[in-house]
Protein backbone atom coordinates (compact mmCIF):
# COMPACT_ATOMS: atom_id res chain seq x y z
CA MET A 1 0.00 -0.02 -0.04
CA SER A 2 1.40 3.39 -0.97
CA ILE A 3 2.15 6.03 1.70
CA VAL A 4 -0.38 8.37 0.13
CA ARG A 5 -3.24 5.75 0.24
CA PHE A 6 -2.25 4.78 3.76
CA MET A 7 -2.37 8.34 5.06
CA VAL A 8 -5.70 9.09 3.33
CA LEU A 9 -7.28 5.95 4.90
CA ALA A 10 -5.78 6.96 8.38
CA CYS A 11 -6.99 10.58 8.09
CA ALA A 12 -10.52 9.31 7.03
CA ALA A 13 -10.53 7.04 10.09
CA ALA A 14 -9.61 9.83 12.51
CA LEU A 15 -12.23 12.07 10.92
CA ALA A 16 -14.85 9.47 11.27
CA ALA A 17 -14.00 9.07 14.94
CA THR A 18 -14.62 12.72 15.73
CA PRO A 19 -17.25 12.93 18.50
CA ALA A 20 -20.71 14.09 17.51
CA ALA A 21 -20.57 16.84 20.14
CA ALA A 22 -17.80 18.53 18.23
CA GLN A 23 -19.78 18.68 15.03
CA MET A 24 -20.60 22.42 15.14
CA ALA A 25 -20.69 25.24 12.65
CA PRO A 26 -17.70 25.59 10.37
CA ALA A 27 -14.83 27.86 11.43
CA HIS A 28 -13.84 31.10 9.64
CA ASP A 29 -16.12 33.86 8.40
CA MET A 30 -18.71 31.74 6.69
CA GLU A 31 -20.30 34.42 4.62
CA ALA A 32 -17.06 35.97 3.39
CA ASP A 33 -15.74 32.59 2.36
CA GLY A 34 -19.07 31.78 0.72
CA MET A 35 -20.03 29.36 3.39
CA MET A 36 -23.66 28.91 4.47
CA PRO A 37 -25.04 29.35 8.04
CA PRO A 38 -25.54 26.11 10.14
CA MET A 39 -27.55 23.61 8.25
CA SER A 40 -29.64 20.57 9.37
CA ASP A 41 -27.98 17.20 9.45
CA THR A 42 -30.08 15.93 6.53
CA ALA A 43 -29.79 19.07 4.25
CA ARG A 44 -27.26 19.02 1.51
CA PHE A 45 -26.07 22.14 -0.36
CA ALA A 46 -23.54 23.02 -3.06
CA HIS A 47 -21.42 26.18 -3.36
CA VAL A 48 -18.81 27.67 -5.67
CA SER A 49 -16.50 30.56 -4.89
CA ALA A 50 -13.74 32.35 -6.76
CA GLU A 51 -11.61 34.16 -4.19
CA ARG A 52 -9.21 35.49 -6.76
CA LEU A 53 -9.60 35.96 -10.60
CA GLU A 54 -6.85 38.36 -11.18
CA PHE A 55 -4.29 39.71 -13.54
CA LYS A 56 -0.67 40.14 -12.17
CA GLY A 57 1.21 42.04 -14.78
CA ARG A 58 0.95 39.81 -17.86
CA ASP A 59 -0.08 36.71 -15.98
CA PHE A 60 -3.47 35.49 -14.93
CA ARG A 61 -4.16 33.84 -11.60
CA TRP A 62 -7.02 31.90 -10.34
CA GLN A 63 -7.92 30.63 -6.82
CA GLY A 64 -11.22 29.07 -5.85
CA GLN A 65 -13.18 26.22 -4.39
CA ALA A 66 -16.31 24.32 -4.57
CA TRP A 67 -18.08 22.24 -1.89
CA PHE A 68 -21.04 19.91 -1.38
CA GLY A 69 -22.43 18.66 1.91
CA GLY A 70 -24.05 19.74 5.06
CA ASP A 71 -22.98 20.96 8.67
CA THR A 72 -21.34 17.65 9.79
CA GLY A 73 -19.20 17.10 6.62
CA ARG A 74 -18.36 18.40 3.24
CA ILE A 75 -16.52 17.36 0.12
CA VAL A 76 -14.31 20.31 -1.01
CA PHE A 77 -12.53 20.87 -4.21
CA LYS A 78 -9.84 23.66 -4.20
CA SER A 79 -7.83 24.71 -7.32
CA GLU A 80 -5.29 27.63 -7.90
CA GLY A 81 -2.61 28.40 -10.30
CA VAL A 82 -1.01 30.97 -12.67
CA ALA A 83 -1.44 31.05 -16.40
CA ARG A 84 1.53 32.69 -18.06
CA ARG A 85 0.88 35.03 -21.03
CA ALA A 86 4.02 33.53 -22.66
CA GLY A 87 2.54 30.14 -22.44
CA GLY A 88 2.23 27.30 -19.88
CA VAL A 89 0.86 27.16 -16.30
CA GLU A 90 2.68 27.30 -13.09
CA ASP A 91 1.88 26.55 -9.38
CA GLY A 92 -1.13 24.47 -10.51
CA ARG A 93 -2.40 23.03 -7.16
CA HIS A 94 -5.70 21.11 -6.98
CA GLU A 95 -6.99 19.52 -3.73
CA LEU A 96 -9.94 17.03 -3.08
CA LEU A 97 -10.63 17.06 0.62
CA PHE A 98 -13.23 16.04 3.28
CA ASN A 99 -13.93 18.82 5.65
CA ARG A 100 -15.40 18.27 9.15
CA PRO A 101 -15.93 20.91 11.85
CA LEU A 102 -14.33 20.29 15.26
CA SER A 103 -15.66 23.41 16.96
CA THR A 104 -17.22 26.77 16.17
CA TYR A 105 -13.79 28.15 14.92
CA LEU A 106 -11.93 25.07 13.82
CA ASP A 107 -12.41 22.65 10.91
CA ILE A 108 -10.23 19.65 9.99
CA GLU A 109 -9.57 18.67 6.33
CA ALA A 110 -7.98 15.49 4.95
CA GLY A 111 -7.62 14.30 1.31
CA VAL A 112 -5.27 14.41 -1.66
CA ARG A 113 -3.40 17.18 -3.48
CA SER A 114 -2.24 17.00 -7.15
CA ASP A 115 0.24 19.46 -8.65
CA ILE A 116 -0.71 19.56 -12.37
CA ASP A 117 0.64 22.21 -14.57
CA SER A 118 3.54 22.64 -17.07
CA ARG A 119 6.12 21.15 -14.78
CA ALA A 120 6.45 17.51 -13.59
CA GLY A 121 3.34 16.38 -11.75
CA ARG A 122 3.23 15.24 -8.16
CA SER A 123 0.63 13.69 -5.85
CA TRP A 124 0.25 14.20 -2.03
CA ALA A 125 -1.78 13.06 0.94
CA ALA A 126 -3.04 16.18 2.80
CA LEU A 127 -4.11 16.80 6.43
CA GLY A 128 -4.81 20.16 7.83
CA VAL A 129 -6.86 22.63 9.73
CA ARG A 130 -8.57 25.93 8.97
CA GLY A 131 -10.39 28.43 11.19
CA MET A 132 -10.46 31.79 12.70
CA ALA A 133 -7.71 32.89 15.12
CA PRO A 134 -7.91 35.72 17.66
CA LEU A 135 -8.22 39.23 16.03
CA PHE A 136 -10.33 37.68 13.28
CA PHE A 137 -7.48 36.27 11.25
CA ASP A 138 -8.64 33.49 8.95
CA TYR A 139 -5.97 30.77 8.62
CA GLU A 140 -5.23 27.49 6.84
CA ALA A 141 -2.38 25.12 7.81
CA THR A 142 -1.88 21.92 5.90
CA ALA A 143 0.78 19.20 5.93
CA TYR A 144 1.48 17.00 3.01
CA ALA A 145 3.32 13.78 2.28
CA SER A 146 4.11 12.36 -1.11
CA GLU A 147 4.85 8.80 -2.47
CA ARG A 148 8.40 9.95 -3.13
CA GLY A 149 8.89 10.35 0.70
CA HIS A 150 8.82 14.13 0.62
CA ALA A 151 7.00 16.23 3.20
CA ALA A 152 5.68 19.83 2.69
CA ALA A 153 3.67 22.42 4.63
CA ARG A 154 1.59 25.37 3.70
CA LEU A 155 0.36 28.27 5.96
CA SER A 156 -1.91 31.06 4.82
CA LEU A 157 -3.24 33.98 6.89
CA SER A 158 -5.78 36.67 5.90
CA THR A 159 -8.22 39.13 7.42
CA ASP A 160 -10.77 41.72 6.25
CA PHE A 161 -10.87 45.42 7.45
CA VAL A 162 -14.22 47.13 6.54
CA ILE A 163 -13.35 50.77 5.76
CA VAL A 164 -16.91 51.91 4.87
CA GLN A 165 -19.92 50.03 3.78
CA GLY A 166 -18.94 47.82 0.82
CA LEU A 167 -15.26 48.74 0.87
CA VAL A 168 -13.01 46.07 2.33
CA LEU A 169 -9.21 45.96 2.69
CA GLN A 170 -7.72 42.46 2.76
CA PRO A 171 -4.06 41.69 3.70
CA ALA A 172 -2.96 38.15 3.16
CA VAL A 173 0.19 36.06 3.30
CA GLU A 174 1.13 32.43 2.27
CA LEU A 175 4.27 30.44 3.04
CA ASN A 176 5.35 27.06 1.62
CA LEU A 177 7.96 24.77 3.00
CA TYR A 178 9.45 21.49 1.63
CA SER A 179 11.57 18.82 3.31
CA GLN A 180 13.61 17.92 0.15
CA SER A 181 14.51 19.50 -3.13
CA ASP A 182 12.54 18.78 -6.29
CA PRO A 183 14.33 20.05 -9.32
CA GLY A 184 11.56 18.74 -11.61
CA ARG A 185 9.34 21.39 -10.07
CA GLY A 186 11.93 23.98 -9.34
CA ILE A 187 11.45 23.55 -5.66
CA GLY A 188 14.20 23.70 -2.95
CA SER A 189 14.19 22.37 0.59
CA GLY A 190 13.32 24.56 3.51
CA LEU A 191 11.27 27.84 3.00
CA SER A 192 10.48 27.71 -0.64
CA ASP A 193 8.42 30.86 -1.23
CA ILE A 194 6.31 33.74 0.35
CA GLU A 195 3.44 35.42 -1.17
CA ALA A 196 1.97 38.51 0.37
CA GLY A 197 -0.46 41.04 -0.73
CA ILE A 198 -2.96 43.68 0.13
CA ARG A 199 -6.19 44.01 -1.80
CA LEU A 200 -8.93 46.59 -1.74
CA ARG A 201 -12.29 45.46 -2.95
CA TYR A 202 -15.65 47.06 -3.44
CA GLU A 203 -18.50 44.81 -2.78
CA ILE A 204 -21.07 45.78 -5.35
CA THR A 205 -23.06 42.96 -3.86
CA ARG A 206 -21.82 40.36 -1.27
CA LYS A 207 -21.46 37.92 -4.28
CA PHE A 208 -19.58 40.23 -6.70
CA ALA A 209 -16.53 42.43 -5.78
CA PRO A 210 -13.98 43.88 -8.12
CA TYR A 211 -10.67 44.68 -6.45
CA ILE A 212 -7.24 46.18 -6.89
CA GLY A 213 -4.07 45.55 -4.89
CA VAL A 214 -0.28 45.03 -4.69
CA ALA A 215 1.22 41.55 -4.46
CA TYR A 216 4.86 40.47 -3.51
CA ASN A 217 6.24 37.04 -4.55
CA GLY A 218 9.59 36.00 -3.14
CA LYS A 219 11.53 32.78 -3.70
CA TYR A 220 14.27 31.65 -1.34
CA GLY A 221 17.17 29.20 -0.93
CA GLU A 222 17.34 26.47 -3.43
CA THR A 223 14.08 27.62 -4.96
CA ALA A 224 15.55 30.94 -5.86
CA ARG A 225 18.59 29.17 -7.38
CA PHE A 226 16.33 27.02 -9.54
CA ALA A 227 14.40 30.21 -10.53
CA ARG A 228 17.68 31.84 -11.58
CA ARG A 229 18.62 28.80 -13.57
CA ASP A 230 15.37 29.05 -15.48
CA HIS A 231 15.84 32.80 -16.03
CA GLU A 232 12.89 33.66 -13.72
CA ASP A 233 12.66 36.53 -11.10
CA THR A 234 13.37 35.54 -7.52
CA GLU A 235 11.36 38.61 -6.12
CA THR A 236 8.56 40.53 -7.81
CA ILE A 237 6.12 43.37 -6.72
CA ARG A 238 3.16 43.74 -9.00
CA LEU A 239 -0.09 45.68 -9.27
CA VAL A 240 -3.00 43.25 -9.45
CA PHE A 241 -6.67 43.70 -10.35
CA GLY A 242 -9.45 41.14 -10.33
CA ILE A 243 -12.83 39.96 -9.21
CA ARG A 244 -13.94 38.06 -6.24
CA SER A 245 -17.34 36.26 -6.52
CA TRP A 246 -19.35 33.33 -5.19
CA PHE A 247 -22.70 31.65 -5.67
């Protein structure tokens, strides 16, 4: 049995053993994430959200998710990546997860991740948590293990500041770490990259909001060396503009 299959089965067993008393409303800002209010045990709903559909210079980035389920468990599909104007796709990360609430402000997620883009493809088992920390910061922390014996971790933080009615400022940061180098994907061991940005959106409705902002991307260590090898920038600061929507 592969390590990925073993971890997925182990995660599923751990989720199934979660006490019923802990099955409460999802963590994080449900409406801002496109999540619904608490639902009955038998009701099932579907939801699609696009957190980012944006242009960064000459490149286009997408980040979104879709889920189906109720208040005690959901199947979640997440997808993000960057389409280069010069051709090809980078950072194509796609995850299929089972989400289960542990408390009002904490969810656990387990499943699989596939890196599918213009570089060498990789598959991972995934186990993580998401929720709302003090000071109303939304967070996601996920650990990954691949069949090749590699481990990785991802941490993202964001929050919303309402300036006036409908005008929202959102700072966000994401870090990626890897246990071993992977030249096929241009990834080095240790801290691989950081993405940080601040975006100002205007909510024409809660379901549709254009935005503008500034985003920083930095690559470090061996990842920066791989980037220089491929004649890519190791640090960029770009103006971004896009749309956030859900239904």
